[in-house]
Structure formats: C-alpha cells, structure tokens
PDB file of N, CA and C in Angstrom:
ATOM      1  N   MET A   1     121.742  91.450  65.543  1.00  0.00           N
ATOM      2  CA  MET A   1     122.354  91.782  66.818  1.00  0.00           C
ATOM      3  C   MET A   1     123.449  90.755  67.095  1.00  0.00           C
ATOM      4  N   THR A   2     124.603  91.243  67.384  1.00  0.00           N
ATOM      5  CA  THR A   2     125.743  90.355  67.656  1.00  0.00           C
ATOM      6  C   THR A   2     125.700  89.891  69.111  1.00  0.00           C
ATOM      7  N   PRO A   3     126.426  88.824  69.400  1.00  0.00           N
ATOM      8  CA  PRO A   3     126.493  88.385  70.806  1.00  0.00           C
ATOM      9  C   PRO A   3     127.045  89.461  71.744  1.00  0.00           C
ATOM     10  N   ALA A   4     127.969  90.259  71.254  1.00  0.00           N
ATOM     11  CA  ALA A   4     128.511  91.330  72.102  1.00  0.00           C
ATOM     12  C   ALA A   4     127.436  92.367  72.425  1.00  0.00           C
ATOM     13  N   ASP A   5     126.564  92.667  71.443  1.00  0.00           N
ATOM     14  CA  ASP A   5     125.455  93.592  71.696  1.00  0.00           C
ATOM     15  C   ASP A   5     124.485  93.021  72.721  1.00  0.00           C
ATOM     16  N   SER A   6     124.223  91.729  72.626  1.00  0.00           N
ATOM     17  CA  SER A   6     123.317  91.083  73.578  1.00  0.00           C
ATOM     18  C   SER A   6     123.875  91.123  74.991  1.00  0.00           C
ATOM     19  N   ILE A   7     125.153  90.863  75.105  1.00  0.00           N
ATOM     20  CA  ILE A   7     125.784  90.891  76.422  1.00  0.00           C
ATOM     21  C   ILE A   7     125.789  92.307  76.975  1.00  0.00           C
ATOM     22  N   ASP A   8     126.050  93.286  76.115  1.00  0.00           N
ATOM     23  CA  ASP A   8     126.042  94.684  76.555  1.00  0.00           C
ATOM     24  C   ASP A   8     124.646  95.103  77.004  1.00  0.00           C
ATOM     25  N   PHE A   9     123.630  94.695  76.248  1.00  0.00           N
ATOM     26  CA  PHE A   9     122.253  94.994  76.639  1.00  0.00           C
ATOM     27  C   PHE A   9     121.905  94.364  77.986  1.00  0.00           C
ATOM     28  N   ALA A  10     122.284  93.104  78.174  1.00  0.00           N
ATOM     29  CA  ALA A  10     121.996  92.419  79.442  1.00  0.00           C
ATOM     30  C   ALA A  10     122.724  93.103  80.596  1.00  0.00           C
ATOM     31  N   ARG A  11     123.970  93.529  80.360  1.00  0.00           N
ATOM     32  CA  ARG A  11     124.739  94.217  81.401  1.00  0.00           C
ATOM     33  C   ARG A  11     124.065  95.523  81.800  1.00  0.00           C
ATOM     34  N   GLN A  12     123.610  96.280  80.798  1.00  0.00           N
ATOM     35  CA  GLN A  12     122.933  97.543  81.097  1.00  0.00           C
ATOM     36  C   GLN A  12     121.616  97.310  81.836  1.00  0.00           C
ATOM     37  N   ALA A  13     120.878  96.286  81.440  1.00  0.00           N
ATOM     38  CA  ALA A  13     119.607  95.997  82.100  1.00  0.00           C
ATOM     39  C   ALA A  13     119.821  95.583  83.553  1.00  0.00           C
ATOM     40  N   ILE A  14     120.831  94.768  83.809  1.00  0.00           N
ATOM     41  CA  ILE A  14     121.126  94.360  85.184  1.00  0.00           C
ATOM     42  C   ILE A  14     121.565  95.559  86.015  1.00  0.00           C
ATOM     43  N   TRP A  15     122.363  96.448  85.421  1.00  0.00           N
ATOM     44  CA  TRP A  15     122.820  97.636  86.146  1.00  0.00           C
ATOM     45  C   TRP A  15     121.647  98.538  86.522  1.00  0.00           C
ATOM     46  N   VAL A  16     120.714  98.731  85.583  1.00  0.00           N
ATOM     47  CA  VAL A  16     119.529  99.548  85.873  1.00  0.00           C
ATOM     48  C   VAL A  16     118.682  98.877  86.961  1.00  0.00           C
ATOM     49  N   LEU A  17     118.552  97.564  86.893  1.00  0.00           N
ATOM     50  CA  LEU A  17     117.810  96.836  87.925  1.00  0.00           C
ATOM     51  C   LEU A  17     118.423  97.074  89.299  1.00  0.00           C
ATOM     52  N   LEU A  18     119.742  97.019  89.386  1.00  0.00           N
ATOM     53  CA  LEU A  18     120.406  97.257  90.665  1.00  0.00           C
ATOM     54  C   LEU A  18     120.231  98.701  91.128  1.00  0.00           C
ATOM     55  N   GLU A  19     120.322  99.656  90.196  1.00  0.00           N
ATOM     56  CA  GLU A  19     120.148 101.062  90.566  1.00  0.00           C
ATOM     57  C   GLU A  19     118.736 101.344  91.076  1.00  0.00           C
ATOM     58  N   VAL A  20     117.749 100.706  90.467  1.00  0.00           N
ATOM     59  CA  VAL A  20     116.359 100.959  90.847  1.00  0.00           C
ATOM     60  C   VAL A  20     116.013 100.276  92.169  1.00  0.00           C
ATOM     61  N   SER A  21     116.528  99.074  92.382  1.00  0.00           N
ATOM     62  CA  SER A  21     116.141  98.331  93.584  1.00  0.00           C
ATOM     63  C   SER A  21     117.033  98.616  94.796  1.00  0.00           C
ATOM     64  N   ALA A  22     118.213  99.174  94.587  1.00  0.00           N
ATOM     65  CA  ALA A  22     119.150  99.383  95.700  1.00  0.00           C
ATOM     66  C   ALA A  22     118.603 100.275  96.819  1.00  0.00           C
ATOM     67  N   PRO A  23     117.964 101.412  96.518  1.00  0.00           N
ATOM     68  CA  PRO A  23     117.494 102.240  97.648  1.00  0.00           C
ATOM     69  C   PRO A  23     116.514 101.513  98.567  1.00  0.00           C
ATOM     70  N   ALA A  24     115.578 100.775  98.000  1.00  0.00           N
ATOM     71  CA  ALA A  24     114.605 100.056  98.831  1.00  0.00           C
ATOM     72  C   ALA A  24     115.276  98.941  99.620  1.00  0.00           C
ATOM     73  N   MET A  25     116.210  98.249  98.994  1.00  0.00           N
ATOM     74  CA  MET A  25     116.889  97.152  99.691  1.00  0.00           C
ATOM     75  C   MET A  25     117.772  97.678 100.827  1.00  0.00           C
ATOM     76  N   ILE A  26     118.441  98.798 100.582  1.00  0.00           N
ATOM     77  CA  ILE A  26     119.288  99.369 101.631  1.00  0.00           C
ATOM     78  C   ILE A  26     118.435  99.871 102.790  1.00  0.00           C
ATOM     79  N   ALA A  27     117.296 100.478 102.480  1.00  0.00           N
ATOM     80  CA  ALA A  27     116.398 100.933 103.549  1.00  0.00           C
ATOM     81  C   ALA A  27     115.894  99.756 104.377  1.00  0.00           C
ATOM     82  N   ALA A  28     115.514  98.677 103.709  1.00  0.00           N
ATOM     83  CA  ALA A  28     115.046  97.490 104.437  1.00  0.00           C
ATOM     84  C   ALA A  28     116.159  96.907 105.301  1.00  0.00           C
ATOM     85  N   LEU A  29     117.374  96.912 104.785  1.00  0.00           N
ATOM     86  CA  LEU A  29     118.502  96.399 105.555  1.00  0.00           C
ATOM     87  C   LEU A  29     118.769  97.241 106.797  1.00  0.00           C
ATOM     88  N   VAL A  30     118.786  98.552 106.623  1.00  0.00           N
ATOM     89  CA  VAL A  30     119.074  99.441 107.754  1.00  0.00           C
ATOM     90  C   VAL A  30     117.977  99.343 108.813  1.00  0.00           C
ATOM     91  N   VAL A  31     116.716  99.378 108.386  1.00  0.00           N
ATOM     92  CA  VAL A  31     115.614  99.286 109.358  1.00  0.00           C
ATOM     93  C   VAL A  31     115.626  97.925 110.047  1.00  0.00           C
ATOM     94  N   GLY A  32     115.890  96.870 109.305  1.00  0.00           N
ATOM     95  CA  GLY A  32     115.965  95.539 109.912  1.00  0.00           C
ATOM     96  C   GLY A  32     117.075  95.435 110.941  1.00  0.00           C
ATOM     97  N   LEU A  33     118.227  96.017 110.621  1.00  0.00           N
ATOM     98  CA  LEU A  33     119.333  95.988 111.585  1.00  0.00           C
ATOM     99  C   LEU A  33     119.027  96.807 112.832  1.00  0.00           C
ATOM    100  N   VAL A  34     118.421  97.967 112.659  1.00  0.00           N
ATOM    101  CA  VAL A  34     118.095  98.809 113.812  1.00  0.00           C
ATOM    102  C   VAL A  34     117.060  98.128 114.701  1.00  0.00           C
ATOM    103  N   ILE A  35     116.021  97.591 114.089  1.00  0.00           N
ATOM    104  CA  ILE A  35     114.987  96.903 114.885  1.00  0.00           C
ATOM    105  C   ILE A  35     115.561  95.646 115.536  1.00  0.00           C
ATOM    106  N   GLY A  36     116.412  94.920 114.822  1.00  0.00           N
ATOM    107  CA  GLY A  36     117.042  93.730 115.395  1.00  0.00           C
ATOM    108  C   GLY A  36     117.930  94.079 116.581  1.00  0.00           C
ATOM    109  N   LEU A  37     118.667  95.171 116.443  1.00  0.00           N
ATOM    110  CA  LEU A  37     119.505  95.620 117.555  1.00  0.00           C
ATOM    111  C   LEU A  37     118.647  96.047 118.742  1.00  0.00           C
ATOM    112  N   LEU A  38     117.568  96.758 118.458  1.00  0.00           N
ATOM    113  CA  LEU A  38     116.648  97.175 119.514  1.00  0.00           C
ATOM    114  C   LEU A  38     116.031  95.964 120.213  1.00  0.00           C
ATOM    115  N   GLN A  39     115.662  94.954 119.436  1.00  0.00           N
ATOM    116  CA  GLN A  39     115.100  93.742 120.036  1.00  0.00           C
ATOM    117  C   GLN A  39     116.137  93.021 120.884  1.00  0.00           C
ATOM    118  N   ALA A  40     117.376  92.998 120.436  1.00  0.00           N
ATOM    119  CA  ALA A  40     118.424  92.323 121.209  1.00  0.00           C
ATOM    120  C   ALA A  40     118.722  93.069 122.504  1.00  0.00           C
ATOM    121  N   LEU A  41     118.694  94.394 122.436  1.00  0.00           N
ATOM    122  CA  LEU A  41     118.987  95.178 123.633  1.00  0.00           C
ATOM    123  C   LEU A  41     117.866  95.120 124.659  1.00  0.00           C
ATOM    124  N   THR A  42     116.616  95.096 124.200  1.00  0.00           N
ATOM    125  CA  THR A  42     115.485  95.093 125.124  1.00  0.00           C
ATOM    126  C   THR A  42     114.950  93.698 125.408  1.00  0.00           C
ATOM    127  N   GLN A  43     115.477  92.701 124.739  1.00  0.00           N
ATOM    128  CA  GLN A  43     115.069  91.302 124.870  1.00  0.00           C
ATOM    129  C   GLN A  43     113.599  91.099 124.535  1.00  0.00           C
ATOM    130  N   ILE A  44     113.085  91.910 123.616  1.00  0.00           N
ATOM    131  CA  ILE A  44     111.738  91.708 123.093  1.00  0.00           C
ATOM    132  C   ILE A  44     111.888  90.840 121.852  1.00  0.00           C
ATOM    133  N   GLN A  45     111.412  89.621 121.890  1.00  0.00           N
ATOM    134  CA  GLN A  45     111.586  88.694 120.782  1.00  0.00           C
ATOM    135  C   GLN A  45     110.274  88.493 120.023  1.00  0.00           C
ATOM    136  N   GLU A  46     109.742  89.569 119.503  1.00  0.00           N
ATOM    137  CA  GLU A  46     108.503  89.516 118.726  1.00  0.00           C
ATOM    138  C   GLU A  46     108.880  89.521 117.241  1.00  0.00           C
ATOM    139  N   ALA A  47     108.515  88.474 116.517  1.00  0.00           N
ATOM    140  CA  ALA A  47     108.926  88.324 115.122  1.00  0.00           C
ATOM    141  C   ALA A  47     108.223  89.317 114.196  1.00  0.00           C
ATOM    142  N   THR A  48     107.022  89.711 114.542  1.00  0.00           N
ATOM    143  CA  THR A  48     106.259  90.596 113.659  1.00  0.00           C
ATOM    144  C   THR A  48     106.574  92.065 113.861  1.00  0.00           C
ATOM    145  N   LEU A  49     107.411  92.393 114.827  1.00  0.00           N
ATOM    146  CA  LEU A  49     107.732  93.785 115.130  1.00  0.00           C
ATOM    147  C   LEU A  49     108.493  94.469 113.992  1.00  0.00           C
ATOM    148  N   VAL A  50     109.202  93.707 113.189  1.00  0.00           N
ATOM    149  CA  VAL A  50     110.053  94.274 112.140  1.00  0.00           C
ATOM    150  C   VAL A  50     109.246  94.680 110.910  1.00  0.00           C
ATOM    151  N   PHE A  51     108.147  94.037 110.641  1.00  0.00           N
ATOM    152  CA  PHE A  51     107.469  94.194 109.352  1.00  0.00           C
ATOM    153  C   PHE A  51     106.902  95.592 109.112  1.00  0.00           C
ATOM    154  N   VAL A  52     106.210  96.151 110.051  1.00  0.00           N
ATOM    155  CA  VAL A  52     105.569  97.453 109.832  1.00  0.00           C
ATOM    156  C   VAL A  52     106.595  98.564 109.615  1.00  0.00           C
ATOM    157  N   PRO A  53     107.632  98.689 110.442  1.00  0.00           N
ATOM    158  CA  PRO A  53     108.625  99.732 110.149  1.00  0.00           C
ATOM    159  C   PRO A  53     109.331  99.524 108.811  1.00  0.00           C
ATOM    160  N   LYS A  54     109.597  98.267 108.444  1.00  0.00           N
ATOM    161  CA  LYS A  54     110.232  98.000 107.152  1.00  0.00           C
ATOM    162  C   LYS A  54     109.340  98.418 105.997  1.00  0.00           C
ATOM    163  N   ILE A  55     108.077  98.090 106.077  1.00  0.00           N
ATOM    164  CA  ILE A  55     107.143  98.439 105.003  1.00  0.00           C
ATOM    165  C   ILE A  55     107.031  99.955 104.872  1.00  0.00           C
ATOM    166  N   ILE A  56     106.936 100.646 105.995  1.00  0.00           N
ATOM    167  CA  ILE A  56     106.842 102.113 105.947  1.00  0.00           C
ATOM    168  C   ILE A  56     108.119 102.724 105.378  1.00  0.00           C
ATOM    169  N   ALA A  57     109.282 102.224 105.817  1.00  0.00           N
ATOM    170  CA  ALA A  57     110.551 102.762 105.325  1.00  0.00           C
ATOM    171  C   ALA A  57     110.713 102.511 103.829  1.00  0.00           C
ATOM    172  N   ILE A  58     110.373 101.319 103.371  1.00  0.00           N
ATOM    173  CA  ILE A  58     110.491 101.000 101.944  1.00  0.00           C
ATOM    174  C   ILE A  58     109.535 101.872 101.138  1.00  0.00           C
ATOM    175  N   PHE A  59     108.334 102.059 101.621  1.00  0.00           N
ATOM    176  CA  PHE A  59     107.371 102.898 100.923  1.00  0.00           C
ATOM    177  C   PHE A  59     107.875 104.333 100.802  1.00  0.00           C
ATOM    178  N   LEU A  60     108.402 104.884 101.874  1.00  0.00           N
ATOM    179  CA  LEU A  60     108.918 106.257 101.841  1.00  0.00           C
ATOM    180  C   LEU A  60     110.120 106.389 100.912  1.00  0.00           C
ATOM    181  N   VAL A  61     111.011 105.408 100.952  1.00  0.00           N
ATOM    182  CA  VAL A  61     112.178 105.448 100.076  1.00  0.00           C
ATOM    183  C   VAL A  61     111.760 105.327  98.616  1.00  0.00           C
ATOM    184  N   LEU A  62     110.784 104.482  98.336  1.00  0.00           N
ATOM    185  CA  LEU A  62     110.310 104.353  96.953  1.00  0.00           C
ATOM    186  C   LEU A  62     109.660 105.641  96.474  1.00  0.00           C
ATOM    187  N   LEU A  63     108.938 106.329  97.347  1.00  0.00           N
ATOM    188  CA  LEU A  63     108.358 107.613  96.957  1.00  0.00           C
ATOM    189  C   LEU A  63     109.433 108.638  96.623  1.00  0.00           C
ATOM    190  N   VAL A  64     110.489 108.660  97.417  1.00  0.00           N
ATOM    191  CA  VAL A  64     111.571 109.612  97.178  1.00  0.00           C
ATOM    192  C   VAL A  64     112.374 109.233  95.931  1.00  0.00           C
ATOM    193  N   ALA A  65     112.613 107.939  95.731  1.00  0.00           N
ATOM    194  CA  ALA A  65     113.464 107.479  94.634  1.00  0.00           C
ATOM    195  C   ALA A  65     112.707 107.247  93.333  1.00  0.00           C
ATOM    196  N   LEU A  66     111.407 107.445  93.319  1.00  0.00           N
ATOM    197  CA  LEU A  66     110.622 107.170  92.114  1.00  0.00           C
ATOM    198  C   LEU A  66     111.057 107.993  90.907  1.00  0.00           C
ATOM    199  N   PRO A  67     111.325 109.292  91.028  1.00  0.00           N
ATOM    200  CA  PRO A  67     111.787 110.035  89.843  1.00  0.00           C
ATOM    201  C   PRO A  67     113.115 109.506  89.292  1.00  0.00           C
ATOM    202  N   PHE A  68     114.030 109.169  90.180  1.00  0.00           N
ATOM    203  CA  PHE A  68     115.302 108.609  89.750  1.00  0.00           C
ATOM    204  C   PHE A  68     115.114 107.271  89.048  1.00  0.00           C
ATOM    205  N   ALA A  69     114.268 106.413  89.611  1.00  0.00           N
ATOM    206  CA  ALA A  69     114.021 105.105  89.008  1.00  0.00           C
ATOM    207  C   ALA A  69     113.362 105.249  87.644  1.00  0.00           C
ATOM    208  N   GLY A  70     112.406 106.159  87.533  1.00  0.00           N
ATOM    209  CA  GLY A  70     111.756 106.378  86.252  1.00  0.00           C
ATOM    210  C   GLY A  70     112.721 106.895  85.208  1.00  0.00           C
ATOM    211  N   GLU A  71     113.615 107.790  85.612  1.00  0.00           N
ATOM    212  CA  GLU A  71     114.611 108.321  84.682  1.00  0.00           C
ATOM    213  C   GLU A  71     115.572 107.227  84.221  1.00  0.00           C
ATOM    214  N   ALA A  72     115.994 106.363  85.144  1.00  0.00           N
ATOM    215  CA  ALA A  72     116.905 105.275  84.788  1.00  0.00           C
ATOM    216  C   ALA A  72     116.239 104.296  83.828  1.00  0.00           C
ATOM    217  N   MET A  73     114.983 103.946  84.087  1.00  0.00           N
ATOM    218  CA  MET A  73     114.276 103.022  83.192  1.00  0.00           C
ATOM    219  C   MET A  73     113.974 103.667  81.845  1.00  0.00           C
ATOM    220  N   TYR A  74     113.681 104.970  81.851  1.00  0.00           N
ATOM    221  CA  TYR A  74     113.441 105.686  80.598  1.00  0.00           C
ATOM    222  C   TYR A  74     114.709 105.719  79.752  1.00  0.00           C
ATOM    223  N   GLY A  75     115.840 105.945  80.395  1.00  0.00           N
ATOM    224  CA  GLY A  75     117.108 105.946  79.673  1.00  0.00           C
ATOM    225  C   GLY A  75     117.415 104.597  79.053  1.00  0.00           C
ATOM    226  N   LEU A  76     117.155 103.526  79.796  1.00  0.00           N
ATOM    227  CA  LEU A  76     117.377 102.184  79.252  1.00  0.00           C
ATOM    228  C   LEU A  76     116.447 101.913  78.082  1.00  0.00           C
ATOM    229  N   MET A  77     115.187 102.288  78.211  1.00  0.00           N
ATOM    230  CA  MET A  77     114.234 102.048  77.126  1.00  0.00           C
ATOM    231  C   MET A  77     114.580 102.869  75.892  1.00  0.00           C
ATOM    232  N   THR A  78     115.041 104.092  76.086  1.00  0.00           N
ATOM    233  CA  THR A  78     115.467 104.923  74.958  1.00  0.00           C
ATOM    234  C   THR A  78     116.652 104.278  74.249  1.00  0.00           C
ATOM    235  N   ASN A  79     117.579 103.741  75.033  1.00  0.00           N
ATOM    236  CA  ASN A  79     118.733 103.054  74.457  1.00  0.00           C
ATOM    237  C   ASN A  79     118.300 101.814  73.673  1.00  0.00           C
ATOM    238  N   ILE A  80     117.369 101.050  74.228  1.00  0.00           N
ATOM    239  CA  ILE A  80     116.859  99.859  73.544  1.00  0.00           C
ATOM    240  C   ILE A  80     116.168 100.252  72.249  1.00  0.00           C
ATOM    241  N   ALA A  81     115.322 101.286  72.300  1.00  0.00           N
ATOM    242  CA  ALA A  81     114.613 101.722  71.097  1.00  0.00           C
ATOM    243  C   ALA A  81     115.586 102.217  70.034  1.00  0.00           C
ATOM    244  N   ALA A  82     116.636 102.907  70.432  1.00  0.00           N
ATOM    245  CA  ALA A  82     117.625 103.382  69.474  1.00  0.00           C
ATOM    246  C   ALA A  82     118.366 102.211  68.834  1.00  0.00           C
ATOM    247  N   ARG A  83     118.665 101.196  69.621  1.00  0.00           N
ATOM    248  CA  ARG A  83     119.338 100.011  69.052  1.00  0.00           C
ATOM    249  C   ARG A  83     118.429  99.250  68.099  1.00  0.00           C
ATOM    250  N   ILE A  84     117.144  99.169  68.437  1.00  0.00           N
ATOM    251  CA  ILE A  84     116.207  98.479  67.548  1.00  0.00           C
ATOM    252  C   ILE A  84     116.069  99.253  66.245  1.00  0.00           C
ATOM    253  N   ALA A  85     115.987 100.573  66.332  1.00  0.00           N
ATOM    254  CA  ALA A  85     115.833 101.400  65.133  1.00  0.00           C
ATOM    255  C   ALA A  85     117.095 101.356  64.265  1.00  0.00           C
ATOM    256  N   ALA A  86     118.260 101.118  64.872  1.00  0.00           N
ATOM    257  CA  ALA A  86     119.497 101.081  64.118  1.00  0.00           C
ATOM    258  C   ALA A  86     119.621  99.823  63.272  1.00  0.00           C
ATOM    259  N   TYR A  87     118.907  98.767  63.622  1.00  0.00           N
ATOM    260  CA  TYR A  87     119.010  97.501  62.868  1.00  0.00           C
ATOM    261  C   TYR A  87     117.948  97.389  61.847  1.00  0.00           C
TER     262      TYR A  87
END
C-alpha cells in the first residue's frame, strides 16, 4: 500500500465518520439552541432541562438515519475489502 493509498483510505474513513455522525450532531445542536432560547425567553435557568429533549431527539434521528449510516459503513467496508483483495 502506497502512502497515497493510505491517505485516500483515511480521507474516505473520515468522510464516512462525518456522514454517519452529522445527523445526530445537528439534531443535538438544533434542540440545544431551541431549549436555550426558550430558557432565555422564560428566564428558567435549569441546567438539566436540556438533556431529556436532546436524548430523545438524538435517539429518533439515529433511528431514522440508521439505514443510511449502515449503507455508508457497508460501502466503506466493501471498498476496504476490495483494496485488501487487490494486494
């Protein structure tokens, strides 16, 4: 395996990592911002108020995005296996 192949493999792995984790991170960001805005508007300063809605939102997003994440990881693994078989 050449250094260029290693760099290409690492680039693809990082890209798949971002594709798989982005939906959950974006959901957590949006829910956190909405709850933070709600807390600022109502002056309720409870630190634990954010956790339950975030956990529920992340769980729901992961359920919806699971087929996509599995397909992305399967594609990466197929690519890795093909590269290993080629050498």
